[in-house]
Protein backbone atom coordinates (compact mmCIF):
# COMPACT_ATOMS: atom_id res chain seq x y z
CA UNK A 1 39.40 5.22 24.73
CA UNK A 2 36.50 3.29 24.57
CA UNK A 3 37.77 0.42 26.40
CA UNK A 4 39.14 3.06 29.11
CA UNK A 5 35.74 4.38 29.65
CA UNK A 6 34.36 0.98 29.74
CA UNK A 7 37.00 0.24 32.74
CA UNK A 8 36.30 3.29 34.48
CA UNK A 9 32.43 2.75 34.36
CA UNK A 10 32.70 -0.75 35.79
CA UNK A 11 35.08 0.48 38.52
CA UNK A 12 32.32 3.17 39.51
CA UNK A 13 30.04 0.41 39.61
CA UNK A 14 31.98 -1.69 41.68
CA UNK A 15 32.56 1.28 44.10
CA UNK A 16 28.80 1.89 44.39
CA UNK A 17 28.18 -1.86 45.25
CA UNK A 18 30.99 -1.66 48.02
CA UNK A 19 29.79 1.45 49.48
CA UNK A 20 26.14 -0.06 49.69
CA UNK A 21 27.36 -3.02 51.34
CA UNK A 22 28.42 -0.93 54.67
CA UNK A 23 24.62 -0.57 55.91
CA UNK A 24 24.29 -4.39 55.40
CA UNK A 25 27.33 -4.94 57.50
CA UNK A 26 25.90 -3.21 60.56
CA UNK A 27 22.63 -4.93 60.37
CA UNK A 28 24.19 -8.49 60.17
CA UNK A 29 26.62 -7.73 62.77
CA UNK A 30 24.08 -6.80 65.15
CA UNK A 31 21.82 -9.93 64.49
CA UNK A 32 24.57 -12.38 64.33
CA UNK A 33 27.03 -11.11 67.53
CA UNK A 34 26.58 -11.25 71.03
CA UNK A 35 26.12 -8.16 73.14
CA UNK A 36 28.86 -8.54 75.54
CA UNK A 37 32.61 -8.49 75.25
CA UNK A 38 34.85 -11.45 75.14
CA UNK A 39 38.35 -12.43 74.98
CA UNK A 40 39.37 -13.83 71.72
CA UNK A 41 41.00 -17.41 72.28
CA UNK A 42 41.60 -17.44 68.69
CA UNK A 43 44.42 -14.94 69.20
CA UNK A 44 46.53 -17.09 71.40
CA UNK A 45 46.11 -19.97 69.24
CA UNK A 46 47.69 -18.26 66.26
CA UNK A 47 50.19 -16.89 68.65
CA UNK A 48 48.83 -13.09 68.29
CA UNK A 49 48.70 -10.75 71.00
CA UNK A 50 45.30 -11.25 72.81
CA UNK A 51 42.85 -8.35 71.98
CA UNK A 52 39.49 -7.44 73.11
CA UNK A 53 36.81 -7.67 70.21
CA UNK A 54 34.14 -4.88 70.11
CA UNK A 55 30.51 -6.59 71.01
CA UNK A 56 28.77 -5.74 68.07
CA UNK A 57 31.37 -7.61 65.84
CA UNK A 58 31.57 -10.95 68.13
CA UNK A 59 29.10 -13.55 66.59
CA UNK A 60 26.85 -15.81 68.55
CA UNK A 61 26.95 -19.65 68.74
CA UNK A 62 23.48 -19.77 67.30
CA UNK A 63 24.78 -17.94 64.10
CA UNK A 64 27.77 -20.77 63.76
CA UNK A 65 25.59 -23.59 64.12
CA UNK A 66 23.57 -22.69 61.00
CA UNK A 67 26.66 -21.51 59.27
CA UNK A 68 27.52 -23.92 56.14
CA UNK A 69 30.81 -25.70 55.77
CA UNK A 70 31.36 -23.63 52.59
CA UNK A 71 31.15 -20.47 54.67
CA UNK A 72 33.52 -21.44 57.03
CA UNK A 73 36.51 -19.99 55.30
CA UNK A 74 38.95 -17.13 55.55
CA UNK A 75 36.87 -14.18 56.16
CA UNK A 76 37.20 -10.77 54.57
CA UNK A 77 39.98 -9.45 57.31
CA UNK A 78 41.97 -12.55 57.14
CA UNK A 79 40.89 -13.22 61.00
CA UNK A 80 39.88 -16.36 62.77
CA UNK A 81 36.42 -16.36 64.51
CA UNK A 82 36.55 -16.01 68.43
CA UNK A 83 33.87 -18.62 68.65
CA UNK A 84 34.72 -21.31 66.42
CA UNK A 85 38.28 -20.39 65.65
CA UNK A 86 37.86 -20.79 62.06
CA UNK A 87 37.18 -18.27 58.93
CA UNK A 88 33.56 -17.29 58.61
CA UNK A 89 31.87 -15.26 56.03
CA UNK A 90 28.52 -15.21 58.37
CA UNK A 91 30.20 -12.79 61.10
CA UNK A 92 32.41 -9.76 60.66
CA UNK A 93 35.93 -10.23 62.47
CA UNK A 94 38.07 -7.56 63.33
CA UNK A 95 41.02 -6.70 65.78
CA UNK A 96 40.27 -4.63 68.78
CA UNK A 97 39.71 -1.00 67.73
CA UNK A 98 40.11 -2.19 63.88
CA UNK A 99 37.31 -0.07 61.73
CA UNK A 100 35.14 -2.13 59.34
CA UNK A 101 36.42 -1.45 55.68
CA UNK A 102 33.36 -1.34 53.66
CA UNK A 103 35.36 -2.37 50.25
CA UNK A 104 37.01 -5.17 51.81
CA UNK A 105 33.57 -6.24 53.25
CA UNK A 106 31.94 -6.11 49.96
CA UNK A 107 34.62 -8.26 48.49
CA UNK A 108 33.79 -11.10 51.23
CA UNK A 109 29.98 -10.52 52.02
CA UNK A 110 27.75 -11.62 48.83
CA UNK A 111 30.39 -11.71 46.39
CA UNK A 112 29.39 -15.04 44.86
CA UNK A 113 25.95 -13.71 44.24
CA UNK A 114 27.35 -10.56 42.79
CA UNK A 115 29.99 -12.43 40.77
CA UNK A 116 27.15 -14.53 39.26
CA UNK A 117 25.38 -11.42 38.44
CA UNK A 118 28.17 -9.63 36.83
CA UNK A 119 29.19 -12.68 34.95
CA UNK A 120 25.70 -13.33 33.46
CA UNK A 121 25.74 -9.64 32.35
CA UNK A 122 29.20 -10.10 30.58
CA UNK A 123 27.87 -13.17 28.77
CA UNK A 124 24.64 -11.25 27.62
CA UNK A 125 26.83 -8.43 26.55
CA UNK A 126 29.20 -10.66 24.61
CA UNK A 127 26.23 -12.45 22.87
CA UNK A 128 24.61 -9.12 21.89
CA UNK A 129 28.20 -7.91 20.55
CA UNK A 130 28.42 -11.20 18.36
CA UNK A 131 24.80 -10.84 17.12
CA UNK A 132 25.76 -7.11 15.95
CA UNK A 133 28.96 -8.56 14.56
CA UNK A 134 27.23 -11.11 12.50
CA UNK A 135 24.85 -8.72 11.03
CA UNK A 136 27.82 -6.51 10.03
CA UNK A 137 29.43 -9.59 8.31
CA UNK A 138 26.56 -10.14 6.32
CA UNK A 139 26.19 -6.58 4.84
CA UNK A 140 29.85 -6.01 4.59
CA UNK A 141 31.01 -9.66 3.98
CA UNK A 142 34.05 -9.23 6.25
CA UNK A 143 35.11 -11.84 9.06
CA UNK A 144 34.67 -9.59 12.39
CA UNK A 145 36.66 -10.42 15.17
CA UNK A 146 34.97 -10.98 18.76
CA UNK A 147 35.43 -7.90 20.61
CA UNK A 148 37.31 -8.12 23.92
CA UNK A 149 35.17 -8.21 27.20
CA UNK A 150 36.48 -4.89 28.30
CA UNK A 151 36.22 -3.42 24.87
CA UNK A 152 33.88 -0.53 23.84
CA UNK A 153 30.29 -0.90 22.65
CA UNK A 154 29.61 -2.45 19.44
CA UNK A 155 28.86 -0.19 16.49
CA UNK A 156 25.06 -0.75 15.10
CA UNK A 157 24.85 -2.37 11.95
CA UNK A 158 23.79 -0.89 8.70
CA UNK A 159 20.32 -1.69 7.61
CA UNK A 160 20.53 -3.44 4.06
CA UNK A 161 19.06 -1.04 1.47
CA UNK A 162 17.03 -2.60 -1.29
CA UNK A 163 17.47 -1.44 -4.98
CA UNK A 164 14.30 -0.67 -6.87
CA UNK A 165 13.64 -3.52 -9.77
CA UNK A 166 10.94 -1.56 -11.63
CA UNK A 167 12.68 -1.76 -15.07
CA UNK A 168 12.18 -4.58 -17.68
CA UNK A 169 15.28 -4.13 -19.75
CA UNK A 170 13.88 -5.78 -22.78
CA UNK A 171 10.38 -3.94 -22.80
CA UNK A 172 12.20 -0.70 -22.27
CA UNK A 173 14.71 -1.36 -24.92
CA UNK A 174 11.86 -2.38 -27.46
CA UNK A 175 9.63 0.50 -26.61
CA UNK A 176 12.53 3.12 -26.80
CA UNK A 177 13.80 1.31 -30.26
CA UNK A 178 10.36 1.74 -31.67
CA UNK A 179 10.29 5.42 -30.97
CA UNK A 180 13.79 5.97 -32.43
CA UNK A 181 12.85 3.91 -35.60
CA UNK A 182 10.10 6.15 -36.37
CA UNK A 183 11.96 9.39 -35.52
CA UNK A 184 15.07 8.57 -37.57
CA UNK A 185 14.11 5.50 -39.75
CA UNK A 186 10.75 7.11 -41.36
CA UNK A 187 10.63 9.66 -43.69
CA UNK A 188 8.65 12.70 -42.35
CA UNK A 189 5.44 13.35 -44.23
CA UNK A 190 5.90 17.02 -45.65
CA UNK A 191 2.55 17.99 -44.05
CA UNK A 192 3.84 17.53 -40.36
CA UNK A 193 6.64 19.93 -39.17
CA UNK A 194 9.94 18.15 -37.40
CA UNK A 195 8.34 19.09 -33.99
CA UNK A 196 5.02 17.31 -34.51
CA UNK A 197 7.11 14.11 -35.91
CA UNK A 198 9.33 14.32 -32.80
CA UNK A 199 6.00 14.44 -30.72
CA UNK A 200 4.45 11.53 -32.59
CA UNK A 201 7.60 9.10 -31.96
CA UNK A 202 7.58 9.95 -28.34
CA UNK A 203 3.57 9.60 -28.19
CA UNK A 204 4.07 6.02 -30.03
CA UNK A 205 7.08 4.87 -27.70
CA UNK A 206 4.73 5.96 -24.69
CA UNK A 207 1.94 3.97 -26.08
CA UNK A 208 4.06 0.80 -26.57
CA UNK A 209 5.32 1.37 -23.07
CA UNK A 210 1.79 1.32 -21.77
CA UNK A 211 1.02 -2.00 -23.35
CA UNK A 212 4.32 -3.74 -22.47
CA UNK A 213 5.13 -1.85 -19.19
CA UNK A 214 8.87 -1.56 -19.07
CA UNK A 215 8.40 0.54 -15.96
CA UNK A 216 5.15 1.65 -13.87
CA UNK A 217 2.78 3.29 -15.94
CA UNK A 218 3.28 6.62 -13.74
CA UNK A 219 7.12 6.34 -14.29
CA UNK A 220 7.01 5.45 -17.81
CA UNK A 221 4.73 8.61 -18.44
CA UNK A 222 6.94 10.76 -16.26
CA UNK A 223 10.06 9.85 -18.41
CA UNK A 224 8.17 10.48 -21.72
CA UNK A 225 7.14 13.80 -20.56
CA UNK A 226 10.78 14.42 -19.38
CA UNK A 227 12.06 13.41 -22.93
CA UNK A 228 9.45 15.80 -24.61
CA UNK A 229 10.60 18.63 -22.49
CA UNK A 230 14.54 17.86 -22.75
CA UNK A 231 14.20 17.73 -26.48
CA UNK A 232 12.43 20.91 -26.42
CA UNK A 233 9.39 19.20 -28.22
CA UNK A 234 6.98 20.69 -26.11
CA UNK A 235 7.50 23.61 -23.53
CA UNK A 236 6.64 22.91 -19.71
CA UNK A 237 3.32 24.60 -20.04
CA UNK A 238 2.35 22.53 -22.89
CA UNK A 239 3.78 19.17 -21.38
CA UNK A 240 1.50 19.81 -18.22
CA UNK A 241 -1.39 21.70 -19.51
CA UNK A 242 -3.56 18.91 -18.94
CA UNK A 243 -2.81 18.88 -15.26
CA UNK A 244 -5.69 21.55 -15.03
CA UNK A 245 -7.94 19.30 -16.84
CA UNK A 246 -11.48 18.61 -15.02
CA UNK A 247 -11.60 15.02 -16.30
CA UNK A 248 -8.53 14.13 -14.64
CA UNK A 249 -9.29 15.57 -11.40
CA UNK A 250 -12.78 13.97 -11.78
CA UNK A 251 -10.99 10.56 -11.76
CA UNK A 252 -8.93 11.28 -8.83
CA UNK A 253 -11.83 12.55 -6.65
CA UNK A 254 -13.93 9.31 -7.59
CA UNK A 255 -11.21 7.26 -6.62
CA UNK A 256 -11.73 8.75 -3.16
CA UNK A 257 -15.47 7.80 -3.26
CA UNK A 258 -14.20 4.11 -3.83
CA UNK A 259 -12.16 4.32 -0.88
CA UNK A 260 -15.10 5.67 1.29
CA UNK A 261 -17.43 2.75 -0.03
CA UNK A 262 -14.92 0.09 0.76
CA UNK A 263 -14.10 1.90 4.18
CA UNK A 264 -17.65 2.13 5.58
CA UNK A 265 -18.89 -1.37 4.17
CA UNK A 266 -21.81 -0.04 2.40
CA UNK A 267 -20.82 -1.38 -0.82
CA UNK A 268 -20.74 -5.09 0.90
CA UNK A 269 -24.11 -4.11 2.52
CA UNK A 270 -25.49 -3.40 -0.83
CA UNK A 271 -24.26 -6.47 -2.48
CA UNK A 272 -25.42 -9.05 0.45
CA UNK A 273 -28.98 -7.31 -0.02
CA UNK A 274 -29.40 -8.21 -3.47
CA UNK A 275 -28.13 -11.79 -2.66
CA UNK A 276 -30.53 -12.11 -0.01
CA UNK A 277 -33.52 -11.04 -2.40
CA UNK A 278 -32.21 -12.88 -5.63
CA UNK A 279 -29.92 -15.78 -4.49
CA UNK A 280 -32.13 -18.86 -4.57
CA UNK A 281 -30.24 -19.93 -7.88
CA UNK A 282 -26.80 -19.18 -9.39
CA UNK A 283 -28.38 -17.36 -12.29
CA UNK A 284 -30.92 -15.23 -10.10
CA UNK A 285 -27.73 -14.78 -8.03
CA UNK A 286 -25.76 -13.31 -11.29
CA UNK A 287 -28.58 -10.97 -11.90
CA UNK A 288 -28.84 -9.78 -8.31
CA UNK A 289 -24.93 -8.84 -8.78
CA UNK A 290 -25.55 -7.08 -11.94
CA UNK A 291 -28.18 -5.08 -10.59
CA UNK A 292 -26.20 -4.16 -7.62
CA UNK A 293 -23.02 -3.10 -9.52
CA UNK A 294 -25.18 -0.88 -11.55
CA UNK A 295 -26.62 1.04 -8.53
CA UNK A 296 -23.08 1.19 -7.47
CA UNK A 297 -21.37 2.22 -10.68
CA UNK A 298 -22.27 6.28 -10.50
CA UNK A 299 -20.73 6.15 -7.26
CA UNK A 300 -17.79 3.94 -7.76
CA UNK A 301 -16.41 4.88 -11.34
CA UNK A 302 -13.40 2.03 -11.25
CA UNK A 303 -14.48 -1.12 -12.12
CA UNK A 304 -11.30 -2.67 -10.32
CA UNK A 305 -12.85 -1.13 -7.22
CA UNK A 306 -16.15 -2.48 -7.54
CA UNK A 307 -14.89 -5.82 -8.31
CA UNK A 308 -12.06 -6.02 -5.74
CA UNK A 309 -13.70 -4.14 -3.26
CA UNK A 310 -17.26 -5.41 -3.08
CA UNK A 311 -18.16 -8.13 -5.48
CA UNK A 312 -15.13 -10.43 -5.62
CA UNK A 313 -15.02 -10.98 -1.61
CA UNK A 314 -18.60 -11.79 -1.73
CA UNK A 315 -18.21 -14.21 -4.46
CA UNK A 316 -15.77 -16.03 -2.79
CA UNK A 317 -17.64 -16.34 0.28
CA UNK A 318 -20.21 -18.29 -1.63
CA UNK A 319 -20.14 -22.20 -2.62
CA UNK A 320 -16.92 -22.93 -4.55
CA UNK A 321 -19.17 -24.30 -7.52
CA UNK A 322 -20.44 -21.16 -8.37
CA UNK A 323 -17.51 -19.01 -8.17
CA UNK A 324 -16.12 -19.72 -11.90
CA UNK A 325 -19.32 -18.63 -13.32
CA UNK A 326 -20.25 -15.71 -11.10
CA UNK A 327 -16.65 -14.30 -11.71
CA UNK A 328 -16.80 -14.62 -15.62
CA UNK A 329 -20.21 -13.11 -15.44
CA UNK A 330 -19.01 -10.19 -13.13
CA UNK A 331 -16.16 -9.48 -15.86
CA UNK A 332 -18.35 -9.32 -18.68
CA UNK A 333 -21.30 -7.94 -17.17
CA UNK A 334 -19.37 -4.90 -16.12
CA UNK A 335 -19.25 -3.74 -19.79
CA UNK A 336 -23.14 -3.07 -19.54
CA UNK A 337 -23.22 -1.77 -15.94
CA UNK A 338 -20.33 0.60 -17.09
CA UNK A 339 -22.22 2.15 -20.06
CA UNK A 340 -25.29 3.12 -18.39
CA UNK A 341 -24.14 6.21 -17.20
CA UNK A 342 -21.49 8.76 -17.85
CA UNK A 343 -20.26 8.23 -14.53
CA UNK A 344 -20.11 4.60 -14.71
CA UNK A 345 -16.37 4.26 -15.52
CA UNK A 346 -13.45 6.49 -15.52
CA UNK A 347 -12.73 5.89 -19.37
CA UNK A 348 -16.27 7.61 -19.90
CA UNK A 349 -15.31 10.97 -18.56
CA UNK A 350 -11.73 11.05 -20.72
CA UNK A 351 -13.85 9.98 -23.97
CA UNK A 352 -16.53 12.88 -23.29
CA UNK A 353 -13.82 15.30 -22.79
CA UNK A 354 -12.27 14.55 -25.83
CA UNK A 355 -15.31 14.63 -27.89
CA UNK A 356 -16.15 18.22 -26.41
CA UNK A 357 -12.68 19.18 -27.36
CA UNK A 358 -13.14 18.04 -30.63
CA UNK A 359 -16.07 20.57 -31.18
CA UNK A 360 -18.78 18.04 -30.65
CA UNK A 361 -21.69 19.78 -28.83
CA UNK A 362 -23.30 18.20 -25.77
CA UNK A 363 -25.39 20.74 -23.84
CA UNK A 364 -26.06 18.04 -20.94
CA UNK A 365 -23.30 15.22 -21.32
CA UNK A 366 -24.87 13.34 -18.50
CA UNK A 367 -28.43 13.41 -20.05
CA UNK A 368 -27.00 12.77 -23.45
CA UNK A 369 -25.14 9.80 -22.58
CA UNK A 370 -27.87 8.35 -20.33
CA UNK A 371 -30.42 8.88 -23.23
CA UNK A 372 -28.09 7.16 -25.85
CA UNK A 373 -26.88 4.21 -23.53
CA UNK A 374 -30.01 3.27 -21.50
CA UNK A 375 -31.74 1.00 -24.15
CA UNK A 376 -28.57 -1.12 -25.43
CA UNK A 377 -27.04 -0.98 -21.74
CA UNK A 378 -30.44 -2.47 -20.49
CA UNK A 379 -30.57 -5.01 -23.26
CA UNK A 380 -26.94 -6.02 -22.51
CA UNK A 381 -27.37 -6.19 -18.80
CA UNK A 382 -30.33 -8.47 -19.02
CA UNK A 383 -28.75 -10.62 -21.76
CA UNK A 384 -25.25 -11.06 -20.33
CA UNK A 385 -25.90 -13.50 -17.42
CA UNK A 386 -28.01 -15.47 -19.46
CA UNK A 387 -25.55 -16.13 -22.48
CA UNK A 388 -22.65 -16.65 -19.89
CA UNK A 389 -25.08 -19.28 -18.34
CA UNK A 390 -25.45 -21.15 -21.44
CA UNK A 391 -21.84 -20.89 -22.65
CA UNK A 392 -20.20 -21.70 -19.39
CA UNK A 393 -22.96 -23.11 -16.90
CA UNK A 394 -22.00 -23.35 -13.09
CA UNK A 395 -21.59 -26.72 -11.55
CA UNK A 396 -24.17 -25.86 -8.87
CA UNK A 397 -27.30 -24.23 -10.58
CA UNK A 398 -29.26 -23.87 -7.32
CA UNK A 399 -28.22 -22.19 -4.14
CA UNK A 400 -30.86 -22.20 -1.58
CA UNK A 401 -28.38 -21.50 1.29
CA UNK A 402 -27.04 -18.08 -0.28
CA UNK A 403 -29.78 -15.88 0.66
CA UNK A 404 -29.97 -17.45 4.48
CA UNK A 405 -26.07 -16.71 4.56
CA UNK A 406 -26.41 -13.24 3.15
CA UNK A 407 -29.38 -12.28 5.44
CA UNK A 408 -27.33 -13.57 8.52
CA UNK A 409 -24.46 -11.35 7.29
CA UNK A 410 -26.83 -8.46 6.90
CA UNK A 411 -28.00 -8.97 10.30
CA UNK A 412 -24.57 -9.26 11.95
CA UNK A 413 -23.84 -6.06 10.10
CA UNK A 414 -26.82 -4.29 12.05
CA UNK A 415 -28.53 -1.09 10.75
CA UNK A 416 -26.81 1.66 8.99
CA UNK A 417 -23.79 2.95 10.81
CA UNK A 418 -23.56 6.80 11.39
CA UNK A 419 -20.77 6.74 9.20
CA UNK A 420 -22.58 4.95 6.28
CA UNK A 421 -25.36 7.63 6.49
CA UNK A 422 -23.04 10.36 6.14
CA UNK A 423 -21.40 8.87 3.34
CA UNK A 424 -24.81 8.24 1.58
CA UNK A 425 -25.58 11.91 2.29
CA UNK A 426 -22.23 13.16 0.57
CA UNK A 427 -22.62 10.97 -2.53
CA UNK A 428 -26.26 11.52 -2.91
CA UNK A 429 -25.41 15.42 -3.13
CA UNK A 430 -22.95 14.47 -5.73
CA UNK A 431 -24.97 12.29 -7.75
CA UNK A 432 -28.06 14.86 -7.60
CA UNK A 433 -25.42 17.62 -8.89
CA UNK A 434 -24.24 15.41 -11.68
CA UNK A 435 -27.66 14.97 -13.02
CA UNK A 436 -28.84 18.59 -12.44
CA UNK A 437 -25.64 20.28 -12.90
CA UNK A 438 -26.06 22.01 -16.08
CA UNK A 439 -29.11 23.61 -14.60
CA UNK A 440 -27.39 24.84 -11.56
CA UNK A 441 -24.40 25.98 -13.10
CA UNK A 442 -22.06 23.39 -11.36
CA UNK A 443 -19.52 21.34 -13.46
CA UNK A 444 -18.97 17.66 -12.72
CA UNK A 445 -15.77 17.76 -11.06
CA UNK A 446 -17.16 20.67 -8.81
CA UNK A 447 -19.88 18.15 -7.83
CA UNK A 448 -17.37 15.63 -7.06
CA UNK A 449 -15.25 18.00 -4.98
CA UNK A 450 -18.41 19.18 -3.00
CA UNK A 451 -19.14 15.40 -2.16
CA UNK A 452 -15.55 14.79 -1.17
CA UNK A 453 -15.23 17.97 1.10
CA UNK A 454 -18.47 16.64 2.56
CA UNK A 455 -16.74 13.41 3.47
CA UNK A 456 -13.80 15.11 4.86
CA UNK A 457 -16.04 17.23 7.02
CA UNK A 458 -18.22 14.47 8.34
CA UNK A 459 -15.23 12.40 9.08
CA UNK A 460 -16.07 9.59 6.38
CA UNK A 461 -12.50 9.92 5.14
CA UNK A 462 -9.52 11.60 6.65
CA UNK A 463 -7.12 13.66 4.42
CA UNK A 464 -4.30 10.72 5.30
CA UNK A 465 -6.51 8.18 3.81
CA UNK A 466 -7.10 10.21 0.85
CA UNK A 467 -3.09 10.56 0.37
CA UNK A 468 -2.54 6.68 0.88
CA UNK A 469 -4.57 6.22 -2.41
CA UNK A 470 -1.67 5.95 -4.53
CA UNK A 471 -3.75 4.55 -7.44
CA UNK A 472 -5.56 7.87 -7.83
CA UNK A 473 -2.34 10.25 -7.58
CA UNK A 474 -0.64 7.92 -9.73
CA UNK A 475 -3.40 8.45 -12.25
CA UNK A 476 -3.18 12.16 -12.00
CA UNK A 477 0.34 11.90 -13.43
CA UNK A 478 0.16 9.60 -16.31
CA UNK A 479 -3.51 10.61 -17.44
CA UNK A 480 -2.32 14.21 -17.43
CA UNK A 481 0.66 13.21 -19.38
CA UNK A 482 -1.38 11.13 -21.90
CA UNK A 483 -4.12 13.61 -22.14
CA UNK A 484 -1.68 16.46 -22.64
CA UNK A 485 0.07 14.49 -25.58
CA UNK A 486 -3.04 13.82 -27.36
CA UNK A 487 -4.07 17.35 -27.13
CA UNK A 488 -0.66 18.53 -28.54
CA UNK A 489 -1.04 15.98 -31.47
CA UNK A 490 -4.24 17.37 -32.27
CA UNK A 491 -3.24 20.88 -32.18
CA UNK A 492 0.01 19.94 -34.16
CA UNK A 493 -2.11 18.73 -37.03
CA UNK A 494 -0.79 14.87 -36.28
CA UNK A 495 -4.53 13.53 -35.79
CA UNK A 496 -5.93 15.38 -38.54
CA UNK A 497 -3.32 13.76 -41.15
CA UNK A 498 -3.63 10.38 -39.69
CA UNK A 499 -7.20 10.51 -39.85
CA UNK A 500 -7.16 11.66 -43.16
CA UNK A 501 -4.73 8.94 -44.34
CA UNK A 502 -6.78 6.19 -42.97
CA UNK A 503 -10.06 7.85 -44.33
CA UNK A 504 -8.51 8.19 -47.91
CA UNK A 505 -7.62 4.50 -47.93
CA UNK A 506 -11.10 3.43 -46.47
CA UNK A 507 -12.76 5.65 -49.09
CA UNK A 508 -10.71 4.05 -51.97
CA UNK A 509 -11.87 0.84 -50.94
CA UNK A 510 -15.67 2.31 -51.51
CA UNK A 511 -17.22 0.74 -48.20
CA UNK A 512 -19.57 3.63 -47.87
CA UNK A 513 -20.17 5.70 -44.67
CA UNK A 514 -21.82 2.56 -42.69
CA UNK A 515 -19.10 0.07 -44.11
CA UNK A 516 -16.38 2.47 -42.94
CA UNK A 517 -18.34 2.86 -39.64
CA UNK A 518 -18.10 -0.88 -38.84
CA UNK A 519 -14.58 -1.42 -40.08
CA UNK A 520 -13.31 1.49 -37.98
CA UNK A 521 -15.28 -0.10 -34.85
CA UNK A 522 -13.96 -3.62 -35.41
CA UNK A 523 -10.44 -2.17 -36.06
CA UNK A 524 -10.84 0.08 -32.67
CA UNK A 525 -12.16 -3.19 -30.69
CA UNK A 526 -9.29 -5.63 -31.58
CA UNK A 527 -6.79 -3.05 -31.26
CA UNK A 528 -7.47 -3.60 -27.56
CA UNK A 529 -5.27 -6.72 -27.48
CA UNK A 530 -2.36 -4.36 -27.46
CA UNK A 531 -3.62 -2.37 -24.37
CA UNK A 532 -3.81 -3.13 -20.92
CA UNK A 533 -6.15 -0.38 -19.66
CA UNK A 534 -9.30 1.07 -21.02
CA UNK A 535 -8.35 4.63 -19.95
CA UNK A 536 -5.23 4.44 -21.97
CA UNK A 537 -6.88 2.80 -25.00
CA UNK A 538 -9.21 6.01 -25.08
CA UNK A 539 -6.01 8.39 -24.58
CA UNK A 540 -4.10 6.88 -27.35
CA UNK A 541 -6.91 5.95 -30.19
CA UNK A 542 -10.08 7.57 -29.22
CA UNK A 543 -8.98 10.97 -30.90
CA UNK A 544 -7.62 9.37 -34.09
CA UNK A 545 -10.73 7.21 -34.49
CA UNK A 546 -13.13 9.87 -33.66
CA UNK A 547 -11.71 12.12 -36.42
CA UNK A 548 -11.83 9.34 -38.80
CA UNK A 549 -15.45 8.50 -38.37
CA UNK A 550 -15.99 12.29 -38.65
CA UNK A 551 -14.12 12.64 -42.00
CA UNK A 552 -16.23 9.57 -43.38
CA UNK A 553 -19.27 11.36 -42.77
CA UNK A 554 -20.76 9.53 -39.75
CA UNK A 555 -23.02 12.00 -37.28
CA UNK A 556 -20.70 13.75 -34.57
CA UNK A 557 -22.83 12.35 -31.42
CA UNK A 558 -23.19 8.86 -32.82
CA UNK A 559 -19.46 8.77 -33.72
CA UNK A 560 -18.37 9.99 -30.26
CA UNK A 561 -20.73 7.92 -28.06
CA UNK A 562 -20.66 4.71 -29.94
CA UNK A 563 -16.74 4.78 -29.73
CA UNK A 564 -17.14 5.47 -26.11
CA UNK A 565 -19.57 2.48 -25.73
CA UNK A 566 -17.12 0.28 -27.65
CA UNK A 567 -14.54 1.07 -25.18
CA UNK A 568 -16.75 -0.39 -22.67
CA UNK A 569 -17.24 -3.56 -24.31
CA UNK A 570 -13.54 -4.47 -24.92
CA UNK A 571 -13.04 -4.72 -21.34
CA UNK A 572 -13.69 -8.56 -21.03
CA UNK A 573 -11.46 -9.52 -24.32
CA UNK A 574 -8.55 -10.49 -22.37
CA UNK A 575 -7.45 -11.46 -18.91
CA UNK A 576 -5.40 -8.29 -19.04
CA UNK A 577 -7.95 -5.79 -20.61
CA UNK A 578 -8.47 -4.02 -17.43
CA UNK A 579 -7.62 -4.26 -13.71
CA UNK A 580 -10.68 -6.01 -12.89
CA UNK A 581 -9.97 -8.76 -15.21
CA UNK A 582 -6.53 -8.97 -14.11
CA UNK A 583 -7.66 -9.34 -10.59
C-alpha cells in the first residue's frame, strides 16, 4: 500500500510539472519561430506529404545558429526542423494543424534538468532511509535491508532508553543484611515491644544506608518508609508525621535563599568586597573570606551552597599557589561560621528542634544560641586561619595583586542592581523576624516563608526556579523520614532504653558527670567517620546522646547546645564529612 501511494504521488508530481511546461512552450515558440508561414522542405526529404507549419512553431535561423550540437536530436514530436532539417529541442516542430501536446513537450523540453533534480532527490531519500535503517539496526541488532526506491517511507527509529543505575548491590545487601540481623539474630530486650524492635532494626538499616549510600539518600529513605508501612511497624500518619515539621520546611525555604544569592550575584559581590579590602597577603585574604562567610551564613544556611556558589569560584580565580591553603582554611573555618548563629547551618535547626521536643526549654532559641555560641565561635574564627597557616602554609604568602583584581571585578559588576536590592530587602526582613520573631509572635519558618514570598513577588526568583531546586525537595523527603523515625523511636521508648543502657555502663566506670560529658562528646565526634552528612548525623545520633547526657546529670541547655556545636566541628574531619568538603 505504501509503494502504491508513493507511485501515485510521483505520478501526480510529474503531471503537474508537465502541465506547467505548456506556458513555457508558448513563450519559447514566440521567441524562436518566424512570424510568416513557410513550406516545410524536410517533409519532401523524408518522403512525407508537404505540409504548412503554423507560423508560431517555425524556428528562426538565428535560433538555430546558437543551438548546440547536443540539442540537435530528435525533437519531442519525432519531426524534423523545417530550417535545419534536423531534430532540435530548441524549437517546437509540429505537423500542420497538429496541436501541441504538453506532456510530450515536457518530456523533451528541460528533461535533462528535471531528471537531474529528480535523481538528486531520490539519492537524498535513499541516504535518509539508510541512516534510519542503520539507527534501527543499532537498536534492534538486526540487519535491515535497503528499501526499494519506489517503496514507502522509512519508519522512525525508536530512541534508546537508558536504565537507571542508582543501585549499589553490595552496599544494598550490607545495609539490608544488618537490619535483618538485628531483627532476627539479636534477642529482643524485654523493655521493648516487637513494634519498637522492628522500628529500631529499620532505623539502623536506614542509617547504614545513609553512610554507605546503596541508593540516593532520598530514594533510600523512601524505601525505608515503605518497609515500615508495609510491615505495619508504623501507620501512614506516623510515618509521615514529620512532613509538617517546621524545621524540615525551614531547611527547604532557606535552600531557595541560597539559590537567590547565586542567581543575583550578591554573594560574589560580598566576597570580592572583602578580598579588595583584606587581600594583600594570603593570611589576611583568609580572614577576609572568614568574615564574609560569617556574614553570609544567616542568609545561606547551606555550607555547600556558600562554598560552591560563592567562595570556591572566587578562590579558583586567584593565584594557584594560594588555592590549597585557602580551600583548606575554608573547609575548616566553616565550623566557626556555622556555629555563630542558629541560622548558620541546616543541622542547627534540626538539633534545636530535637532539643525542644525533648522538653528542654528555650524561650528564644535564636538569642539563646547566639549568647552561648558567640565567644567560642569568635575565638575559633580568629584562630582557625592562623592555625591552618602554621600547619599548612601557602606557597605564596603575599598577594598584592588580589585586591586590584577584586576591585576591578567589582567595578565591572557596577552598582547594586535592582534584583540585588530586592533580594537584600526580602532577606533583611527575614533576618529581622528571626531575631525579633518571639516578641512579634512570628516563628522562624513563617519568617523564612515571608522572605520567600517577597522574592517571588519582586521577581528575584520564579516558581520554576524554586521547583528546580532538587536538593531542597530531596531534603524534604529524606529529612522528614529521618525526623519521623527519630520521633517514633523516642515515643516507643527506644531512645530512653538505649541512653539508660549506655549511661549505666559509663556510671559503672565511675567517670563522674564531666568525665561522662567528655567521653560522650569524643565518641559523638569520631562517630562521624561513618557519616557523610551532618544533618544525617544529628538525626541519627543527637537524640540518643542528648538523652544520655541528661541521664548523666549534665545541665539540659549545656547538653543540647554543646552537642549542636560539636556537630559543626565535625564537618572537616574527613573529605566526605559534608557536601562542602566533598566538593
